[in-house]
PDB file of N, CA and C in Angstrom:
ATOM      1  N   UNK A   1      -1.518 -46.643  63.126  1.00  0.00           N
ATOM      2  CA  UNK A   1      -1.249 -45.237  63.332  1.00  0.00           C
ATOM      3  C   UNK A   1      -1.555 -44.884  64.771  1.00  0.00           C
ATOM      4  N   UNK A   2      -0.778 -43.970  65.325  1.00  0.00           N
ATOM      5  CA  UNK A   2      -0.943 -43.511  66.690  1.00  0.00           C
ATOM      6  C   UNK A   2      -2.259 -42.749  66.824  1.00  0.00           C
ATOM      7  N   UNK A   3      -3.018 -43.072  67.871  1.00  0.00           N
ATOM      8  CA  UNK A   3      -4.280 -42.379  68.115  1.00  0.00           C
ATOM      9  C   UNK A   3      -4.088 -41.396  69.259  1.00  0.00           C
ATOM     10  N   UNK A   4      -4.562 -40.189  69.087  1.00  0.00           N
ATOM     11  CA  UNK A   4      -4.492 -39.191  70.142  1.00  0.00           C
ATOM     12  C   UNK A   4      -5.507 -38.104  69.871  1.00  0.00           C
ATOM     13  N   UNK A   5      -5.869 -37.405  70.929  1.00  0.00           N
ATOM     14  CA  UNK A   5      -6.731 -36.226  70.803  1.00  0.00           C
ATOM     15  C   UNK A   5      -5.881 -35.020  71.134  1.00  0.00           C
ATOM     16  N   UNK A   6      -6.076 -33.961  70.390  1.00  0.00           N
ATOM     17  CA  UNK A   6      -5.230 -32.791  70.514  1.00  0.00           C
ATOM     18  C   UNK A   6      -6.040 -31.652  71.113  1.00  0.00           C
ATOM     19  N   UNK A   7      -5.599 -31.132  72.243  1.00  0.00           N
ATOM     20  CA  UNK A   7      -6.230 -29.951  72.838  1.00  0.00           C
ATOM     21  C   UNK A   7      -5.521 -28.718  72.298  1.00  0.00           C
ATOM     22  N   UNK A   8      -4.376 -28.435  72.836  1.00  0.00           N
ATOM     23  CA  UNK A   8      -3.503 -27.401  72.303  1.00  0.00           C
ATOM     24  C   UNK A   8      -2.231 -28.135  71.948  1.00  0.00           C
ATOM     25  N   UNK A   9      -2.266 -28.784  70.810  1.00  0.00           N
ATOM     26  CA  UNK A   9      -1.206 -29.703  70.443  1.00  0.00           C
ATOM     27  C   UNK A   9       0.084 -29.036  70.008  1.00  0.00           C
ATOM     28  N   UNK A  10       1.101 -29.834  70.010  1.00  0.00           N
ATOM     29  CA  UNK A  10       2.400 -29.435  69.495  1.00  0.00           C
ATOM     30  C   UNK A  10       2.291 -29.424  67.980  1.00  0.00           C
ATOM     31  N   UNK A  11       2.422 -28.256  67.387  1.00  0.00           N
ATOM     32  CA  UNK A  11       2.244 -28.101  65.945  1.00  0.00           C
ATOM     33  C   UNK A  11       3.194 -29.012  65.169  1.00  0.00           C
ATOM     34  N   UNK A  12       4.405 -29.187  65.658  1.00  0.00           N
ATOM     35  CA  UNK A  12       5.371 -30.050  64.968  1.00  0.00           C
ATOM     36  C   UNK A  12       4.881 -31.497  64.927  1.00  0.00           C
ATOM     37  N   UNK A  13       4.300 -31.973  66.016  1.00  0.00           N
ATOM     38  CA  UNK A  13       3.780 -33.343  66.071  1.00  0.00           C
ATOM     39  C   UNK A  13       2.618 -33.504  65.090  1.00  0.00           C
ATOM     40  N   UNK A  14       1.725 -32.536  65.081  1.00  0.00           N
ATOM     41  CA  UNK A  14       0.560 -32.587  64.186  1.00  0.00           C
ATOM     42  C   UNK A  14       1.017 -32.573  62.729  1.00  0.00           C
ATOM     43  N   UNK A  15       1.908 -31.654  62.379  1.00  0.00           N
ATOM     44  CA  UNK A  15       2.384 -31.557  60.990  1.00  0.00           C
ATOM     45  C   UNK A  15       3.127 -32.823  60.562  1.00  0.00           C
ATOM     46  N   UNK A  16       3.921 -33.390  61.458  1.00  0.00           N
ATOM     47  CA  UNK A  16       4.654 -34.620  61.130  1.00  0.00           C
ATOM     48  C   UNK A  16       3.681 -35.763  60.848  1.00  0.00           C
ATOM     49  N   UNK A  17       2.652 -35.890  61.677  1.00  0.00           N
ATOM     50  CA  UNK A  17       1.657 -36.948  61.482  1.00  0.00           C
ATOM     51  C   UNK A  17       0.863 -36.720  60.193  1.00  0.00           C
ATOM     52  N   UNK A  18       0.512 -35.468  59.899  1.00  0.00           N
ATOM     53  CA  UNK A  18      -0.216 -35.176  58.656  1.00  0.00           C
ATOM     54  C   UNK A  18       0.648 -35.435  57.426  1.00  0.00           C
ATOM     55  N   UNK A  19       1.909 -35.067  57.499  1.00  0.00           N
ATOM     56  CA  UNK A  19       2.803 -35.308  56.371  1.00  0.00           C
ATOM     57  C   UNK A  19       2.928 -36.810  56.092  1.00  0.00           C
ATOM     58  N   UNK A  20       3.032 -37.585  57.149  1.00  0.00           N
ATOM     59  CA  UNK A  20       3.114 -39.042  56.992  1.00  0.00           C
ATOM     60  C   UNK A  20       1.827 -39.592  56.368  1.00  0.00           C
ATOM     61  N   UNK A  21       0.677 -39.087  56.830  1.00  0.00           N
ATOM     62  CA  UNK A  21      -0.611 -39.581  56.340  1.00  0.00           C
ATOM     63  C   UNK A  21      -0.940 -39.072  54.937  1.00  0.00           C
ATOM     64  N   UNK A  22      -0.762 -37.763  54.705  1.00  0.00           N
ATOM     65  CA  UNK A  22      -1.241 -37.137  53.469  1.00  0.00           C
ATOM     66  C   UNK A  22      -0.162 -36.901  52.423  1.00  0.00           C
ATOM     67  N   UNK A  23       1.084 -37.076  52.804  1.00  0.00           N
ATOM     68  CA  UNK A  23       2.222 -36.911  51.878  1.00  0.00           C
ATOM     69  C   UNK A  23       2.281 -35.513  51.257  1.00  0.00           C
ATOM     70  N   UNK A  24       1.756 -34.490  51.960  1.00  0.00           N
ATOM     71  CA  UNK A  24       1.819 -33.119  51.471  1.00  0.00           C
ATOM     72  C   UNK A  24       0.820 -32.801  50.373  1.00  0.00           C
ATOM     73  N   UNK A  25      -0.176 -33.666  50.167  1.00  0.00           N
ATOM     74  CA  UNK A  25      -1.185 -33.455  49.125  1.00  0.00           C
ATOM     75  C   UNK A  25      -2.378 -32.714  49.736  1.00  0.00           C
ATOM     76  N   UNK A  26      -2.750 -31.601  49.112  1.00  0.00           N
ATOM     77  CA  UNK A  26      -3.876 -30.788  49.569  1.00  0.00           C
ATOM     78  C   UNK A  26      -5.180 -31.575  49.445  1.00  0.00           C
ATOM     79  N   UNK A  27      -5.966 -31.576  50.516  1.00  0.00           N
ATOM     80  CA  UNK A  27      -7.244 -32.302  50.525  1.00  0.00           C
ATOM     81  C   UNK A  27      -8.273 -31.661  49.595  1.00  0.00           C
ATOM     82  N   UNK A  28      -8.095 -30.399  49.255  1.00  0.00           N
ATOM     83  CA  UNK A  28      -9.057 -29.687  48.410  1.00  0.00           C
ATOM     84  C   UNK A  28      -8.688 -29.767  46.928  1.00  0.00           C
ATOM     85  N   UNK A  29      -7.537 -29.249  46.550  1.00  0.00           N
ATOM     86  CA  UNK A  29      -7.173 -29.182  45.121  1.00  0.00           C
ATOM     87  C   UNK A  29      -6.348 -30.383  44.658  1.00  0.00           C
ATOM     88  N   UNK A  30      -5.912 -31.215  45.602  1.00  0.00           N
ATOM     89  CA  UNK A  30      -5.162 -32.454  45.341  1.00  0.00           C
ATOM     90  C   UNK A  30      -3.743 -32.202  44.810  1.00  0.00           C
ATOM     91  N   UNK A  31      -3.268 -30.968  44.900  1.00  0.00           N
ATOM     92  CA  UNK A  31      -1.901 -30.649  44.488  1.00  0.00           C
ATOM     93  C   UNK A  31      -0.936 -30.982  45.617  1.00  0.00           C
ATOM     94  N   UNK A  32       0.264 -31.426  45.257  1.00  0.00           N
ATOM     95  CA  UNK A  32       1.307 -31.676  46.244  1.00  0.00           C
ATOM     96  C   UNK A  32       2.218 -30.453  46.279  1.00  0.00           C
ATOM     97  N   UNK A  33       2.451 -29.966  47.481  1.00  0.00           N
ATOM     98  CA  UNK A  33       3.250 -28.761  47.626  1.00  0.00           C
ATOM     99  C   UNK A  33       4.079 -28.831  48.896  1.00  0.00           C
ATOM    100  N   UNK A  34       5.174 -28.097  48.917  1.00  0.00           N
ATOM    101  CA  UNK A  34       5.989 -28.012  50.117  1.00  0.00           C
ATOM    102  C   UNK A  34       5.438 -26.997  51.106  1.00  0.00           C
ATOM    103  N   UNK A  35       4.558 -26.131  50.635  1.00  0.00           N
ATOM    104  CA  UNK A  35       3.944 -25.100  51.481  1.00  0.00           C
ATOM    105  C   UNK A  35       2.502 -25.496  51.761  1.00  0.00           C
ATOM    106  N   UNK A  36       2.246 -25.982  52.966  1.00  0.00           N
ATOM    107  CA  UNK A  36       0.897 -26.412  53.318  1.00  0.00           C
ATOM    108  C   UNK A  36       0.619 -26.111  54.777  1.00  0.00           C
ATOM    109  N   UNK A  37      -0.662 -26.121  55.124  1.00  0.00           N
ATOM    110  CA  UNK A  37      -1.103 -25.864  56.489  1.00  0.00           C
ATOM    111  C   UNK A  37      -1.841 -27.067  57.044  1.00  0.00           C
ATOM    112  N   UNK A  38      -1.695 -27.277  58.339  1.00  0.00           N
ATOM    113  CA  UNK A  38      -2.492 -28.267  59.062  1.00  0.00           C
ATOM    114  C   UNK A  38      -3.801 -27.578  59.428  1.00  0.00           C
ATOM    115  N   UNK A  39      -4.882 -28.024  58.844  1.00  0.00           N
ATOM    116  CA  UNK A  39      -6.181 -27.358  58.991  1.00  0.00           C
ATOM    117  C   UNK A  39      -7.152 -28.242  59.759  1.00  0.00           C
ATOM    118  N   UNK A  40      -7.927 -27.627  60.658  1.00  0.00           N
ATOM    119  CA  UNK A  40      -9.020 -28.348  61.317  1.00  0.00           C
ATOM    120  C   UNK A  40     -10.135 -28.527  60.287  1.00  0.00           C
ATOM    121  N   UNK A  41     -10.608 -29.746  60.088  1.00  0.00           N
ATOM    122  CA  UNK A  41     -11.712 -29.999  59.163  1.00  0.00           C
ATOM    123  C   UNK A  41     -12.904 -29.142  59.564  1.00  0.00           C
ATOM    124  N   UNK A  42     -13.255 -29.158  60.845  1.00  0.00           N
ATOM    125  CA  UNK A  42     -14.240 -28.229  61.391  1.00  0.00           C
ATOM    126  C   UNK A  42     -13.446 -27.162  62.117  1.00  0.00           C
ATOM    127  N   UNK A  43     -13.560 -25.936  61.671  1.00  0.00           N
ATOM    128  CA  UNK A  43     -12.762 -24.841  62.230  1.00  0.00           C
ATOM    129  C   UNK A  43     -12.966 -24.719  63.737  1.00  0.00           C
ATOM    130  N   UNK A  44     -11.923 -24.319  64.423  1.00  0.00           N
ATOM    131  CA  UNK A  44     -12.003 -24.119  65.874  1.00  0.00           C
ATOM    132  C   UNK A  44     -13.111 -23.121  66.206  1.00  0.00           C
ATOM    133  N   UNK A  45     -13.247 -22.057  65.417  1.00  0.00           N
ATOM    134  CA  UNK A  45     -14.298 -21.050  65.669  1.00  0.00           C
ATOM    135  C   UNK A  45     -15.692 -21.618  65.485  1.00  0.00           C
ATOM    136  N   UNK A  46     -15.783 -22.794  64.861  1.00  0.00           N
ATOM    137  CA  UNK A  46     -17.066 -23.457  64.645  1.00  0.00           C
ATOM    138  C   UNK A  46     -17.176 -24.750  65.447  1.00  0.00           C
ATOM    139  N   UNK A  47     -16.342 -24.891  66.486  1.00  0.00           N
ATOM    140  CA  UNK A  47     -16.450 -26.041  67.384  1.00  0.00           C
ATOM    141  C   UNK A  47     -15.494 -27.185  67.109  1.00  0.00           C
ATOM    142  N   UNK A  48     -14.488 -26.974  66.273  1.00  0.00           N
ATOM    143  CA  UNK A  48     -13.613 -28.065  65.876  1.00  0.00           C
ATOM    144  C   UNK A  48     -12.349 -28.259  66.684  1.00  0.00           C
ATOM    145  N   UNK A  49     -12.226 -27.635  67.828  1.00  0.00           N
ATOM    146  CA  UNK A  49     -11.029 -27.821  68.644  1.00  0.00           C
ATOM    147  C   UNK A  49     -11.042 -29.159  69.352  1.00  0.00           C
ATOM    148  N   UNK A  50      -9.898 -29.550  69.892  1.00  0.00           N
ATOM    149  CA  UNK A  50      -9.804 -30.780  70.681  1.00  0.00           C
ATOM    150  C   UNK A  50     -10.148 -32.023  69.895  1.00  0.00           C
ATOM    151  N   UNK A  51      -9.590 -32.160  68.707  1.00  0.00           N
ATOM    152  CA  UNK A  51      -9.932 -33.291  67.845  1.00  0.00           C
ATOM    153  C   UNK A  51      -8.758 -34.259  67.703  1.00  0.00           C
ATOM    154  N   UNK A  52      -9.054 -35.435  67.209  1.00  0.00           N
ATOM    155  CA  UNK A  52      -8.028 -36.416  66.881  1.00  0.00           C
ATOM    156  C   UNK A  52      -7.453 -36.069  65.512  1.00  0.00           C
ATOM    157  N   UNK A  53      -6.482 -36.827  65.072  1.00  0.00           N
ATOM    158  CA  UNK A  53      -5.832 -36.546  63.794  1.00  0.00           C
ATOM    159  C   UNK A  53      -6.822 -36.555  62.632  1.00  0.00           C
ATOM    160  N   UNK A  54      -7.863 -37.370  62.721  1.00  0.00           N
ATOM    161  CA  UNK A  54      -8.840 -37.392  61.622  1.00  0.00           C
ATOM    162  C   UNK A  54      -9.657 -36.104  61.546  1.00  0.00           C
ATOM    163  N   UNK A  55      -9.509 -35.221  62.538  1.00  0.00           N
ATOM    164  CA  UNK A  55     -10.145 -33.912  62.508  1.00  0.00           C
ATOM    165  C   UNK A  55      -9.281 -32.853  61.839  1.00  0.00           C
ATOM    166  N   UNK A  56      -8.130 -33.283  61.308  1.00  0.00           N
ATOM    167  CA  UNK A  56      -7.214 -32.391  60.604  1.00  0.00           C
ATOM    168  C   UNK A  56      -7.106 -32.803  59.143  1.00  0.00           C
ATOM    169  N   UNK A  57      -6.750 -31.846  58.311  1.00  0.00           N
ATOM    170  CA  UNK A  57      -6.470 -32.132  56.911  1.00  0.00           C
ATOM    171  C   UNK A  57      -5.321 -31.250  56.450  1.00  0.00           C
ATOM    172  N   UNK A  58      -4.663 -31.689  55.408  1.00  0.00           N
ATOM    173  CA  UNK A  58      -3.606 -30.921  54.782  1.00  0.00           C
ATOM    174  C   UNK A  58      -4.236 -30.034  53.723  1.00  0.00           C
ATOM    175  N   UNK A  59      -3.950 -28.729  53.789  1.00  0.00           N
ATOM    176  CA  UNK A  59      -4.419 -27.803  52.760  1.00  0.00           C
ATOM    177  C   UNK A  59      -3.239 -26.963  52.285  1.00  0.00           C
ATOM    178  N   UNK A  60      -3.157 -26.742  50.973  1.00  0.00           N
ATOM    179  CA  UNK A  60      -2.152 -25.814  50.462  1.00  0.00           C
ATOM    180  C   UNK A  60      -2.510 -24.422  50.978  1.00  0.00           C
ATOM    181  N   UNK A  61      -1.586 -23.516  50.913  1.00  0.00           N
ATOM    182  CA  UNK A  61      -1.790 -22.184  51.472  1.00  0.00           C
ATOM    183  C   UNK A  61      -3.004 -21.496  50.839  1.00  0.00           C
ATOM    184  N   UNK A  62      -3.142 -21.577  49.527  1.00  0.00           N
ATOM    185  CA  UNK A  62      -4.273 -20.916  48.852  1.00  0.00           C
ATOM    186  C   UNK A  62      -5.617 -21.509  49.274  1.00  0.00           C
ATOM    187  N   UNK A  63      -5.712 -22.829  49.299  1.00  0.00           N
ATOM    188  CA  UNK A  63      -6.969 -23.471  49.711  1.00  0.00           C
ATOM    189  C   UNK A  63      -7.272 -23.180  51.173  1.00  0.00           C
ATOM    190  N   UNK A  64      -6.226 -23.096  52.000  1.00  0.00           N
ATOM    191  CA  UNK A  64      -6.430 -22.782  53.419  1.00  0.00           C
ATOM    192  C   UNK A  64      -6.983 -21.371  53.582  1.00  0.00           C
ATOM    193  N   UNK A  65      -6.487 -20.418  52.810  1.00  0.00           N
ATOM    194  CA  UNK A  65      -7.010 -19.039  52.864  1.00  0.00           C
ATOM    195  C   UNK A  65      -8.490 -19.020  52.499  1.00  0.00           C
ATOM    196  N   UNK A  66      -8.862 -19.738  51.441  1.00  0.00           N
ATOM    197  CA  UNK A  66     -10.258 -19.778  51.003  1.00  0.00           C
ATOM    198  C   UNK A  66     -11.148 -20.414  52.069  1.00  0.00           C
ATOM    199  N   UNK A  67     -10.691 -21.529  52.641  1.00  0.00           N
ATOM    200  CA  UNK A  67     -11.492 -22.218  53.661  1.00  0.00           C
ATOM    201  C   UNK A  67     -11.635 -21.353  54.906  1.00  0.00           C
ATOM    202  N   UNK A  68     -10.575 -20.697  55.320  1.00  0.00           N
ATOM    203  CA  UNK A  68     -10.633 -19.840  56.501  1.00  0.00           C
ATOM    204  C   UNK A  68     -11.664 -18.737  56.300  1.00  0.00           C
ATOM    205  N   UNK A  69     -11.697 -18.148  55.114  1.00  0.00           N
ATOM    206  CA  UNK A  69     -12.682 -17.101  54.818  1.00  0.00           C
ATOM    207  C   UNK A  69     -14.107 -17.655  54.960  1.00  0.00           C
ATOM    208  N   UNK A  70     -14.349 -18.844  54.417  1.00  0.00           N
ATOM    209  CA  UNK A  70     -15.671 -19.470  54.524  1.00  0.00           C
ATOM    210  C   UNK A  70     -16.008 -19.826  55.968  1.00  0.00           C
ATOM    211  N   UNK A  71     -15.016 -20.328  56.712  1.00  0.00           N
ATOM    212  CA  UNK A  71     -15.230 -20.671  58.126  1.00  0.00           C
ATOM    213  C   UNK A  71     -15.649 -19.441  58.923  1.00  0.00           C
ATOM    214  N   UNK A  72     -15.002 -18.317  58.674  1.00  0.00           N
ATOM    215  CA  UNK A  72     -15.332 -17.091  59.394  1.00  0.00           C
ATOM    216  C   UNK A  72     -16.705 -16.555  58.993  1.00  0.00           C
ATOM    217  N   UNK A  73     -17.062 -16.717  57.724  1.00  0.00           N
ATOM    218  CA  UNK A  73     -18.397 -16.316  57.278  1.00  0.00           C
ATOM    219  C   UNK A  73     -19.464 -17.168  57.975  1.00  0.00           C
ATOM    220  N   UNK A  74     -19.192 -18.468  58.107  1.00  0.00           N
ATOM    221  CA  UNK A  74     -20.133 -19.360  58.798  1.00  0.00           C
ATOM    222  C   UNK A  74     -20.310 -18.926  60.254  1.00  0.00           C
ATOM    223  N   UNK A  75     -19.195 -18.613  60.913  1.00  0.00           N
ATOM    224  CA  UNK A  75     -19.257 -18.136  62.296  1.00  0.00           C
ATOM    225  C   UNK A  75     -20.077 -16.857  62.397  1.00  0.00           C
ATOM    226  N   UNK A  76     -19.834 -15.916  61.494  1.00  0.00           N
ATOM    227  CA  UNK A  76     -20.532 -14.644  61.529  1.00  0.00           C
ATOM    228  C   UNK A  76     -22.035 -14.823  61.278  1.00  0.00           C
ATOM    229  N   UNK A  77     -22.397 -15.738  60.389  1.00  0.00           N
ATOM    230  CA  UNK A  77     -23.809 -16.004  60.131  1.00  0.00           C
ATOM    231  C   UNK A  77     -24.494 -16.563  61.363  1.00  0.00           C
ATOM    232  N   UNK A  78     -23.801 -17.424  62.086  1.00  0.00           N
ATOM    233  CA  UNK A  78     -24.363 -17.985  63.324  1.00  0.00           C
ATOM    234  C   UNK A  78     -24.569 -16.894  64.369  1.00  0.00           C
ATOM    235  N   UNK A  79     -23.640 -15.963  64.438  1.00  0.00           N
ATOM    236  CA  UNK A  79     -23.718 -14.884  65.420  1.00  0.00           C
ATOM    237  C   UNK A  79     -24.878 -13.929  65.135  1.00  0.00           C
ATOM    238  N   UNK A  80     -25.212 -13.756  63.867  1.00  0.00           N
ATOM    239  CA  UNK A  80     -26.273 -12.807  63.503  1.00  0.00           C
ATOM    240  C   UNK A  80     -27.631 -13.475  63.311  1.00  0.00           C
ATOM    241  N   UNK A  81     -27.673 -14.798  63.398  1.00  0.00           N
ATOM    242  CA  UNK A  81     -28.937 -15.519  63.216  1.00  0.00           C
ATOM    243  C   UNK A  81     -29.870 -15.230  64.401  1.00  0.00           C
ATOM    244  N   UNK A  82     -31.159 -15.099  64.107  1.00  0.00           N
ATOM    245  CA  UNK A  82     -32.127 -14.804  65.185  1.00  0.00           C
ATOM    246  C   UNK A  82     -32.287 -15.975  66.141  1.00  0.00           C
TER     247      UNK A  82
END
């Protein structure tokens, strides 16, 4: 498999590589769907930018919404921590 690190990557390249690797199967619920998102395993708001392909996962739209909510809560907790 091609190795690369993505700064501000071409979304089409990332999605194509994820589709080849994950076959459209959500990493969370394990359902296969035509509607999915390329998700940073560690959210960008939590330091996950500039990662290689192994820093991405395929998530269905519903699981991606849930994870994004949790990622933002984690960020907010860090901001309010003493």
